């Protein structure tokens, strides 16, 4: 499965539907198989199976905990980088007030174009090629503002030049903040960990169905609840690990870009 397909599946939600259907099918088939062999199973086999089941569940719990920790860290990293990016744009906006009146309007216009692009940067559907093109366009908008700032530099001398250098530094930080934030969405957890997690989910579904069949449906409610919790944990990991493409998004921080744009419009 390609990276492009993974992104589209996360955005559409079909990945979660597919996982849920797969769990139900594996559980049902294993239940039927367990029901067929329950009369021939002996005590020794049950004891060996219990040891095997405990080992599988223990390993799965460790893997889920490890994955959840990594996914949470990825979410928090992307949120922090986005907040830093917003603060850097606000700092550039504030520093424009120290520019000369005849220079301020052109700078605010370029900055507004930059923020407008950033406002729609993660509009769905997100595609690999599309996000790369948007990234280049966003970076070019930031560099255009930087080039314009360097073109204005010779006009400022003395104390005004010191003030302008502060503005110039903030523009550079704004560009750097976007680069870091954009790069963070490609720093995902290795695919092999997700594959191991999904394989173990199928194995656990099979074990739960098999044991339910052997035990003639005893504690089926608790078994189904357990599978639901396991499936929910994996879905949460997927969402936290991919906040730009999944159901758990960075809407709270992204909502600041329209506010920044309105503030820019009021300054012009």
C-alpha atoms as a PDB file:
ATOM      1  CA  UNK A   1       0.000   0.000   0.000  1.00  0.00           C
ATOM      2  CA  UNK A   2       1.470   3.360  -1.077  1.00  0.00           C
ATOM      3  CA  UNK A   3       1.862   6.434   1.109  1.00  0.00           C
ATOM      4  CA  UNK A   4      -0.746   8.185  -1.044  1.00  0.00           C
ATOM      5  CA  UNK A   5      -3.265   5.380  -0.391  1.00  0.00           C
ATOM      6  CA  UNK A   6      -2.556   5.479   3.354  1.00  0.00           C
ATOM      7  CA  UNK A   7      -3.246   9.221   3.481  1.00  0.00           C
ATOM      8  CA  UNK A   8      -6.521   8.906   1.566  1.00  0.00           C
ATOM      9  CA  UNK A   9      -7.671   6.005   3.763  1.00  0.00           C
ATOM     10  CA  UNK A  10      -6.985   7.985   6.930  1.00  0.00           C
ATOM     11  CA  UNK A  11      -8.914  10.979   5.617  1.00  0.00           C
ATOM     12  CA  UNK A  12     -11.890   8.950   4.423  1.00  0.00           C
ATOM     13  CA  UNK A  13     -12.240   6.809   7.535  1.00  0.00           C
ATOM     14  CA  UNK A  14     -12.485   3.599   5.499  1.00  0.00           C
ATOM     15  CA  UNK A  15      -9.393   2.263   7.227  1.00  0.00           C
ATOM     16  CA  UNK A  16     -11.282   2.175  10.530  1.00  0.00           C
ATOM     17  CA  UNK A  17     -14.288   0.563   8.883  1.00  0.00           C
ATOM     18  CA  UNK A  18     -12.031  -2.054   7.308  1.00  0.00           C
ATOM     19  CA  UNK A  19     -10.370  -2.845  10.630  1.00  0.00           C
ATOM     20  CA  UNK A  20     -13.749  -3.194  12.342  1.00  0.00           C
ATOM     21  CA  UNK A  21     -15.114  -5.493   9.636  1.00  0.00           C
ATOM     22  CA  UNK A  22     -11.934  -7.601   9.691  1.00  0.00           C
ATOM     23  CA  UNK A  23     -12.187  -8.016  13.471  1.00  0.00           C
ATOM     24  CA  UNK A  24     -15.840  -9.120  13.215  1.00  0.00           C
ATOM     25  CA  UNK A  25     -15.114 -11.618  10.419  1.00  0.00           C
ATOM     26  CA  UNK A  26     -12.066 -13.147  12.127  1.00  0.00           C
ATOM     27  CA  UNK A  27     -13.904 -13.328  15.451  1.00  0.00           C
ATOM     28  CA  UNK A  28     -16.956 -14.993  13.868  1.00  0.00           C
ATOM     29  CA  UNK A  29     -14.966 -17.572  11.898  1.00  0.00           C
ATOM     30  CA  UNK A  30     -12.833 -18.427  14.927  1.00  0.00           C
ATOM     31  CA  UNK A  31     -15.972 -18.821  17.046  1.00  0.00           C
ATOM     32  CA  UNK A  32     -17.365 -21.338  14.572  1.00  0.00           C
ATOM     33  CA  UNK A  33     -14.075 -23.217  14.548  1.00  0.00           C
ATOM     34  CA  UNK A  34     -13.894 -23.251  18.333  1.00  0.00           C
ATOM     35  CA  UNK A  35     -17.434 -24.589  18.535  1.00  0.00           C
ATOM     36  CA  UNK A  36     -16.468 -27.511  16.263  1.00  0.00           C
ATOM     37  CA  UNK A  37     -13.452 -28.599  18.296  1.00  0.00           C
ATOM     38  CA  UNK A  38     -14.724 -27.954  21.835  1.00  0.00           C
ATOM     39  CA  UNK A  39     -15.706 -31.641  22.341  1.00  0.00           C
ATOM     40  CA  UNK A  40     -12.242 -32.956  21.478  1.00  0.00           C
ATOM     41  CA  UNK A  41     -10.133 -30.460  23.443  1.00  0.00           C
ATOM     42  CA  UNK A  42      -8.551 -31.712  26.680  1.00  0.00           C
ATOM     43  CA  UNK A  43      -7.401 -30.054  29.878  1.00  0.00           C
ATOM     44  CA  UNK A  44      -3.702 -30.096  28.964  1.00  0.00           C
ATOM     45  CA  UNK A  45      -4.347 -28.285  25.713  1.00  0.00           C
ATOM     46  CA  UNK A  46      -6.408 -25.635  27.483  1.00  0.00           C
ATOM     47  CA  UNK A  47      -3.576 -24.983  29.928  1.00  0.00           C
ATOM     48  CA  UNK A  48      -1.013 -24.648  27.145  1.00  0.00           C
ATOM     49  CA  UNK A  49      -3.380 -22.352  25.238  1.00  0.00           C
ATOM     50  CA  UNK A  50      -3.826 -20.185  28.320  1.00  0.00           C
ATOM     51  CA  UNK A  51      -0.079 -19.675  28.565  1.00  0.00           C
ATOM     52  CA  UNK A  52       0.069 -18.821  24.864  1.00  0.00           C
ATOM     53  CA  UNK A  53      -2.851 -16.402  25.134  1.00  0.00           C
ATOM     54  CA  UNK A  54      -1.326 -14.626  28.141  1.00  0.00           C
ATOM     55  CA  UNK A  55       1.952 -14.171  26.253  1.00  0.00           C
ATOM     56  CA  UNK A  56       0.243 -12.792  23.158  1.00  0.00           C
ATOM     57  CA  UNK A  57      -1.909 -10.392  25.168  1.00  0.00           C
ATOM     58  CA  UNK A  58       1.075  -9.217  27.214  1.00  0.00           C
ATOM     59  CA  UNK A  59       3.143  -8.529  24.104  1.00  0.00           C
ATOM     60  CA  UNK A  60       0.199  -6.744  22.503  1.00  0.00           C
ATOM     61  CA  UNK A  61      -0.284  -4.524  25.567  1.00  0.00           C
ATOM     62  CA  UNK A  62       3.390  -3.507  25.474  1.00  0.00           C
ATOM     63  CA  UNK A  63       3.215  -2.734  21.757  1.00  0.00           C
ATOM     64  CA  UNK A  64       0.026  -0.676  22.135  1.00  0.00           C
ATOM     65  CA  UNK A  65       1.523   1.278  25.040  1.00  0.00           C
ATOM     66  CA  UNK A  66       4.671   1.951  23.022  1.00  0.00           C
ATOM     67  CA  UNK A  67       2.675   2.992  19.958  1.00  0.00           C
ATOM     68  CA  UNK A  68       0.323   5.203  21.976  1.00  0.00           C
ATOM     69  CA  UNK A  69       3.272   6.975  23.543  1.00  0.00           C
ATOM     70  CA  UNK A  70       4.854   7.603  20.130  1.00  0.00           C
ATOM     71  CA  UNK A  71       1.584   8.751  18.557  1.00  0.00           C
ATOM     72  CA  UNK A  72       0.858  11.140  21.432  1.00  0.00           C
ATOM     73  CA  UNK A  73       4.347  12.584  21.129  1.00  0.00           C
ATOM     74  CA  UNK A  74       3.847  13.051  17.379  1.00  0.00           C
ATOM     75  CA  UNK A  75       0.551  14.869  17.972  1.00  0.00           C
ATOM     76  CA  UNK A  76       2.020  17.146  20.626  1.00  0.00           C
ATOM     77  CA  UNK A  77       5.035  17.894  18.412  1.00  0.00           C
ATOM     78  CA  UNK A  78       2.872  18.937  15.479  1.00  0.00           C
ATOM     79  CA  UNK A  79       0.666  21.061  17.726  1.00  0.00           C
ATOM     80  CA  UNK A  80       3.657  22.816  19.316  1.00  0.00           C
ATOM     81  CA  UNK A  81       5.248  23.498  15.934  1.00  0.00           C
ATOM     82  CA  UNK A  82       1.985  24.934  14.621  1.00  0.00           C
ATOM     83  CA  UNK A  83       1.641  27.173  17.677  1.00  0.00           C
ATOM     84  CA  UNK A  84       5.246  28.345  17.177  1.00  0.00           C
ATOM     85  CA  UNK A  85       4.429  29.094  13.545  1.00  0.00           C
ATOM     86  CA  UNK A  86       1.368  31.138  14.524  1.00  0.00           C
ATOM     87  CA  UNK A  87       3.392  33.093  17.080  1.00  0.00           C
ATOM     88  CA  UNK A  88       6.092  33.802  14.503  1.00  0.00           C
ATOM     89  CA  UNK A  89       3.507  35.196  12.055  1.00  0.00           C
ATOM     90  CA  UNK A  90       2.010  37.355  14.817  1.00  0.00           C
ATOM     91  CA  UNK A  91       5.512  38.627  15.633  1.00  0.00           C
ATOM     92  CA  UNK A  92       6.071  39.647  12.000  1.00  0.00           C
ATOM     93  CA  UNK A  93       2.686  41.364  12.021  1.00  0.00           C
ATOM     94  CA  UNK A  94       3.572  43.329  15.149  1.00  0.00           C
ATOM     95  CA  UNK A  95       6.989  44.317  13.799  1.00  0.00           C
ATOM     96  CA  UNK A  96       5.443  45.849  10.659  1.00  0.00           C
ATOM     97  CA  UNK A  97       4.117  48.648  12.870  1.00  0.00           C
ATOM     98  CA  UNK A  98       7.721  49.827  13.273  1.00  0.00           C
ATOM     99  CA  UNK A  99       8.205  50.197   9.501  1.00  0.00           C
ATOM    100  CA  UNK A 100       7.721  53.398   7.566  1.00  0.00           C
ATOM    101  CA  UNK A 101       4.156  54.027   6.469  1.00  0.00           C
ATOM    102  CA  UNK A 102       4.988  53.830   2.749  1.00  0.00           C
ATOM    103  CA  UNK A 103       6.684  50.436   3.215  1.00  0.00           C
ATOM    104  CA  UNK A 104       4.125  48.955   5.595  1.00  0.00           C
ATOM    105  CA  UNK A 105       1.312  48.451   3.083  1.00  0.00           C
ATOM    106  CA  UNK A 106       3.380  46.374   0.644  1.00  0.00           C
ATOM    107  CA  UNK A 107       4.719  44.216   3.478  1.00  0.00           C
ATOM    108  CA  UNK A 108       1.230  43.657   4.906  1.00  0.00           C
ATOM    109  CA  UNK A 109      -0.053  42.698   1.467  1.00  0.00           C
ATOM    110  CA  UNK A 110       2.636  40.047   1.039  1.00  0.00           C
ATOM    111  CA  UNK A 111       2.103  38.819   4.587  1.00  0.00           C
ATOM    112  CA  UNK A 112      -1.661  38.560   3.988  1.00  0.00           C
ATOM    113  CA  UNK A 113      -1.024  36.468   0.868  1.00  0.00           C
ATOM    114  CA  UNK A 114       1.243  34.205   2.922  1.00  0.00           C
ATOM    115  CA  UNK A 115      -1.344  33.738   5.698  1.00  0.00           C
ATOM    116  CA  UNK A 116      -4.128  33.173   3.151  1.00  0.00           C
ATOM    117  CA  UNK A 117      -2.147  30.305   1.633  1.00  0.00           C
ATOM    118  CA  UNK A 118      -1.386  28.893   5.057  1.00  0.00           C
ATOM    119  CA  UNK A 119      -5.059  29.104   6.055  1.00  0.00           C
ATOM    120  CA  UNK A 120      -5.997  26.644   3.285  1.00  0.00           C
ATOM    121  CA  UNK A 121      -2.802  24.591   3.400  1.00  0.00           C
ATOM    122  CA  UNK A 122      -4.387  21.494   4.951  1.00  0.00           C
ATOM    123  CA  UNK A 123      -7.754  21.675   3.219  1.00  0.00           C
ATOM    124  CA  UNK A 124      -8.974  18.182   2.365  1.00  0.00           C
ATOM    125  CA  UNK A 125      -8.528  16.005   0.447  1.00  0.00           C
ATOM    126  CA  UNK A 126      -4.809  15.982   1.148  1.00  0.00           C
ATOM    127  CA  UNK A 127      -2.709  14.179  -1.464  1.00  0.00           C
ATOM    128  CA  UNK A 128       1.013  13.541  -1.404  1.00  0.00           C
ATOM    129  CA  UNK A 129       1.735  15.418  -4.624  1.00  0.00           C
ATOM    130  CA  UNK A 130      -0.710  18.171  -3.720  1.00  0.00           C
ATOM    131  CA  UNK A 131       0.815  18.758  -0.295  1.00  0.00           C
ATOM    132  CA  UNK A 132       4.295  18.958  -1.818  1.00  0.00           C
ATOM    133  CA  UNK A 133       3.101  21.523  -4.368  1.00  0.00           C
ATOM    134  CA  UNK A 134       1.398  23.549  -1.649  1.00  0.00           C
ATOM    135  CA  UNK A 135       4.573  23.357   0.426  1.00  0.00           C
ATOM    136  CA  UNK A 136       6.676  24.782  -2.398  1.00  0.00           C
ATOM    137  CA  UNK A 137       4.112  27.539  -3.038  1.00  0.00           C
ATOM    138  CA  UNK A 138       3.968  28.416   0.677  1.00  0.00           C
ATOM    139  CA  UNK A 139       7.729  28.532   0.917  1.00  0.00           C
ATOM    140  CA  UNK A 140       7.917  30.729  -2.174  1.00  0.00           C
ATOM    141  CA  UNK A 141       5.404  33.145  -0.623  1.00  0.00           C
ATOM    142  CA  UNK A 142       7.574  33.360   2.490  1.00  0.00           C
ATOM    143  CA  UNK A 143      10.733  33.894   0.429  1.00  0.00           C
ATOM    144  CA  UNK A 144       8.996  36.601  -1.576  1.00  0.00           C
ATOM    145  CA  UNK A 145       8.325  38.494   1.645  1.00  0.00           C
ATOM    146  CA  UNK A 146      11.933  37.930   2.714  1.00  0.00           C
ATOM    147  CA  UNK A 147      13.299  39.198  -0.617  1.00  0.00           C
ATOM    148  CA  UNK A 148      11.099  42.277  -0.376  1.00  0.00           C
ATOM    149  CA  UNK A 149      12.394  42.910   3.131  1.00  0.00           C
ATOM    150  CA  UNK A 150      16.011  42.693   1.941  1.00  0.00           C
ATOM    151  CA  UNK A 151      15.178  45.117  -0.875  1.00  0.00           C
ATOM    152  CA  UNK A 152      13.945  47.643   1.711  1.00  0.00           C
ATOM    153  CA  UNK A 153      17.006  47.253   3.930  1.00  0.00           C
ATOM    154  CA  UNK A 154      19.206  49.945   2.237  1.00  0.00           C
ATOM    155  CA  UNK A 155      16.509  52.565   2.948  1.00  0.00           C
ATOM    156  CA  UNK A 156      16.948  52.201   6.714  1.00  0.00           C
ATOM    157  CA  UNK A 157      19.979  53.684   8.494  1.00  0.00           C
ATOM    158  CA  UNK A 158      21.002  54.340  12.062  1.00  0.00           C
ATOM    159  CA  UNK A 159      18.493  53.331  14.732  1.00  0.00           C
ATOM    160  CA  UNK A 160      15.875  52.616  12.067  1.00  0.00           C
ATOM    161  CA  UNK A 161      18.169  49.992  10.600  1.00  0.00           C
ATOM    162  CA  UNK A 162      18.406  48.221  13.970  1.00  0.00           C
ATOM    163  CA  UNK A 163      14.610  48.157  14.157  1.00  0.00           C
ATOM    164  CA  UNK A 164      14.363  46.897  10.586  1.00  0.00           C
ATOM    165  CA  UNK A 165      16.885  44.123  11.306  1.00  0.00           C
ATOM    166  CA  UNK A 166      14.546  42.940  14.053  1.00  0.00           C
ATOM    167  CA  UNK A 167      11.717  42.772  11.495  1.00  0.00           C
ATOM    168  CA  UNK A 168      13.975  40.916   9.073  1.00  0.00           C
ATOM    169  CA  UNK A 169      14.922  38.356  11.738  1.00  0.00           C
ATOM    170  CA  UNK A 170      11.261  37.713  12.530  1.00  0.00           C
ATOM    171  CA  UNK A 171      10.489  37.069   8.856  1.00  0.00           C
ATOM    172  CA  UNK A 172      13.328  34.533   8.737  1.00  0.00           C
ATOM    173  CA  UNK A 173      11.988  32.830  11.879  1.00  0.00           C
ATOM    174  CA  UNK A 174       8.506  32.684  10.313  1.00  0.00           C
ATOM    175  CA  UNK A 175       9.879  30.868   7.269  1.00  0.00           C
ATOM    176  CA  UNK A 176      11.883  28.504   9.434  1.00  0.00           C
ATOM    177  CA  UNK A 177       8.832  27.755  11.619  1.00  0.00           C
ATOM    178  CA  UNK A 178       6.793  26.722   8.582  1.00  0.00           C
ATOM    179  CA  UNK A 179       9.607  24.477   7.316  1.00  0.00           C
ATOM    180  CA  UNK A 180       9.754  22.658  10.656  1.00  0.00           C
ATOM    181  CA  UNK A 181       5.986  22.315  10.922  1.00  0.00           C
ATOM    182  CA  UNK A 182       5.649  21.055   7.350  1.00  0.00           C
ATOM    183  CA  UNK A 183       8.474  18.548   7.766  1.00  0.00           C
ATOM    184  CA  UNK A 184       6.868  17.131  10.919  1.00  0.00           C
ATOM    185  CA  UNK A 185       3.914  15.588   9.024  1.00  0.00           C
ATOM    186  CA  UNK A 186       6.303  13.248   7.182  1.00  0.00           C
ATOM    187  CA  UNK A 187       7.971  12.050  10.399  1.00  0.00           C
ATOM    188  CA  UNK A 188       5.559   9.197  11.058  1.00  0.00           C
ATOM    189  CA  UNK A 189       5.965   6.010  13.048  1.00  0.00           C
ATOM    190  CA  UNK A 190       7.673   3.226  11.040  1.00  0.00           C
ATOM    191  CA  UNK A 191       5.127   1.251   9.014  1.00  0.00           C
ATOM    192  CA  UNK A 192       6.358  -2.083  10.371  1.00  0.00           C
ATOM    193  CA  UNK A 193       5.048  -1.162  13.839  1.00  0.00           C
ATOM    194  CA  UNK A 194       1.555  -0.532  12.457  1.00  0.00           C
ATOM    195  CA  UNK A 195       1.712  -3.790  10.521  1.00  0.00           C
ATOM    196  CA  UNK A 196       2.713  -5.675  13.675  1.00  0.00           C
ATOM    197  CA  UNK A 197      -0.095  -4.022  15.616  1.00  0.00           C
ATOM    198  CA  UNK A 198      -2.742  -4.939  13.028  1.00  0.00           C
ATOM    199  CA  UNK A 199      -1.460  -8.511  12.716  1.00  0.00           C
ATOM    200  CA  UNK A 200      -1.644  -8.903  16.486  1.00  0.00           C
ATOM    201  CA  UNK A 201      -5.156  -7.448  16.438  1.00  0.00           C
ATOM    202  CA  UNK A 202      -6.223 -10.174  14.000  1.00  0.00           C
ATOM    203  CA  UNK A 203      -4.526 -12.847  16.137  1.00  0.00           C
ATOM    204  CA  UNK A 204      -6.276 -11.597  19.280  1.00  0.00           C
ATOM    205  CA  UNK A 205      -9.613 -11.508  17.442  1.00  0.00           C
ATOM    206  CA  UNK A 206      -9.041 -15.112  16.395  1.00  0.00           C
ATOM    207  CA  UNK A 207      -8.087 -16.165  19.932  1.00  0.00           C
ATOM    208  CA  UNK A 208     -11.145 -14.445  21.440  1.00  0.00           C
ATOM    209  CA  UNK A 209     -13.457 -16.074  18.895  1.00  0.00           C
ATOM    210  CA  UNK A 210     -11.863 -19.480  19.362  1.00  0.00           C
ATOM    211  CA  UNK A 211     -12.121 -19.346  23.159  1.00  0.00           C
ATOM    212  CA  UNK A 212     -15.729 -18.140  22.952  1.00  0.00           C
ATOM    213  CA  UNK A 213     -16.583 -21.078  20.705  1.00  0.00           C
ATOM    214  CA  UNK A 214     -14.905 -23.565  23.029  1.00  0.00           C
ATOM    215  CA  UNK A 215     -16.650 -22.121  26.074  1.00  0.00           C
ATOM    216  CA  UNK A 216     -20.066 -22.299  24.357  1.00  0.00           C
ATOM    217  CA  UNK A 217     -20.487 -18.534  24.249  1.00  0.00           C
ATOM    218  CA  UNK A 218     -19.756 -17.927  27.923  1.00  0.00           C
ATOM    219  CA  UNK A 219     -18.750 -14.335  28.732  1.00  0.00           C
ATOM    220  CA  UNK A 220     -19.315 -13.318  25.124  1.00  0.00           C
ATOM    221  CA  UNK A 221     -20.303  -9.824  26.271  1.00  0.00           C
ATOM    222  CA  UNK A 222     -16.993  -9.251  28.068  1.00  0.00           C
ATOM    223  CA  UNK A 223     -15.086 -10.694  25.120  1.00  0.00           C
ATOM    224  CA  UNK A 224     -16.770  -8.345  22.653  1.00  0.00           C
ATOM    225  CA  UNK A 225     -16.168  -5.403  25.003  1.00  0.00           C
ATOM    226  CA  UNK A 226     -12.496  -6.336  25.250  1.00  0.00           C
ATOM    227  CA  UNK A 227     -12.157  -6.466  21.456  1.00  0.00           C
ATOM    228  CA  UNK A 228     -13.897  -3.110  21.161  1.00  0.00           C
ATOM    229  CA  UNK A 229     -11.444  -1.552  23.633  1.00  0.00           C
ATOM    230  CA  UNK A 230      -8.476  -3.041  21.751  1.00  0.00           C
ATOM    231  CA  UNK A 231      -9.786  -1.790  18.406  1.00  0.00           C
ATOM    232  CA  UNK A 232     -10.491   1.662  19.874  1.00  0.00           C
ATOM    233  CA  UNK A 233      -6.928   1.851  21.238  1.00  0.00           C
ATOM    234  CA  UNK A 234      -5.474   1.174  17.783  1.00  0.00           C
ATOM    235  CA  UNK A 235      -7.771   3.711  16.124  1.00  0.00           C
ATOM    236  CA  UNK A 236      -6.792   6.338  18.710  1.00  0.00           C
ATOM    237  CA  UNK A 237      -3.113   5.614  18.006  1.00  0.00           C
ATOM    238  CA  UNK A 238      -3.709   6.038  14.261  1.00  0.00           C
ATOM    239  CA  UNK A 239      -5.522   9.328  14.793  1.00  0.00           C
ATOM    240  CA  UNK A 240      -3.010  10.805  17.208  1.00  0.00           C
ATOM    241  CA  UNK A 241      -0.105   9.757  15.013  1.00  0.00           C
ATOM    242  CA  UNK A 242      -1.573  11.493  11.948  1.00  0.00           C
ATOM    243  CA  UNK A 243      -3.445  14.599  13.186  1.00  0.00           C
ATOM    244  CA  UNK A 244      -3.305  16.338   9.798  1.00  0.00           C
ATOM    245  CA  UNK A 245      -5.080  13.484   8.016  1.00  0.00           C
ATOM    246  CA  UNK A 246      -7.132  11.704  10.679  1.00  0.00           C
ATOM    247  CA  UNK A 247     -10.298  12.419  12.665  1.00  0.00           C
ATOM    248  CA  UNK A 248      -8.355  13.935  15.588  1.00  0.00           C
ATOM    249  CA  UNK A 249      -7.149  17.182  14.026  1.00  0.00           C
ATOM    250  CA  UNK A 250      -5.413  20.380  15.054  1.00  0.00           C
ATOM    251  CA  UNK A 251      -8.530  22.470  14.512  1.00  0.00           C
ATOM    252  CA  UNK A 252      -8.084  24.455  17.724  1.00  0.00           C
ATOM    253  CA  UNK A 253      -4.702  25.859  16.706  1.00  0.00           C
ATOM    254  CA  UNK A 254      -5.502  26.080  12.968  1.00  0.00           C
ATOM    255  CA  UNK A 255      -8.471  28.293  13.804  1.00  0.00           C
ATOM    256  CA  UNK A 256      -5.951  31.038  14.606  1.00  0.00           C
ATOM    257  CA  UNK A 257      -5.001  31.530  10.939  1.00  0.00           C
ATOM    258  CA  UNK A 258      -8.368  33.070   9.931  1.00  0.00           C
ATOM    259  CA  UNK A 259      -8.061  35.361  12.969  1.00  0.00           C
ATOM    260  CA  UNK A 260      -4.576  36.416  11.875  1.00  0.00           C
ATOM    261  CA  UNK A 261      -5.901  37.121   8.402  1.00  0.00           C
ATOM    262  CA  UNK A 262      -8.684  39.321   9.773  1.00  0.00           C
ATOM    263  CA  UNK A 263      -6.176  41.236  11.865  1.00  0.00           C
ATOM    264  CA  UNK A 264      -4.022  41.798   8.790  1.00  0.00           C
ATOM    265  CA  UNK A 265      -6.983  43.084   6.824  1.00  0.00           C
ATOM    266  CA  UNK A 266      -7.762  45.555   9.606  1.00  0.00           C
ATOM    267  CA  UNK A 267      -4.181  46.880   9.540  1.00  0.00           C
ATOM    268  CA  UNK A 268      -4.151  47.495   5.797  1.00  0.00           C
END
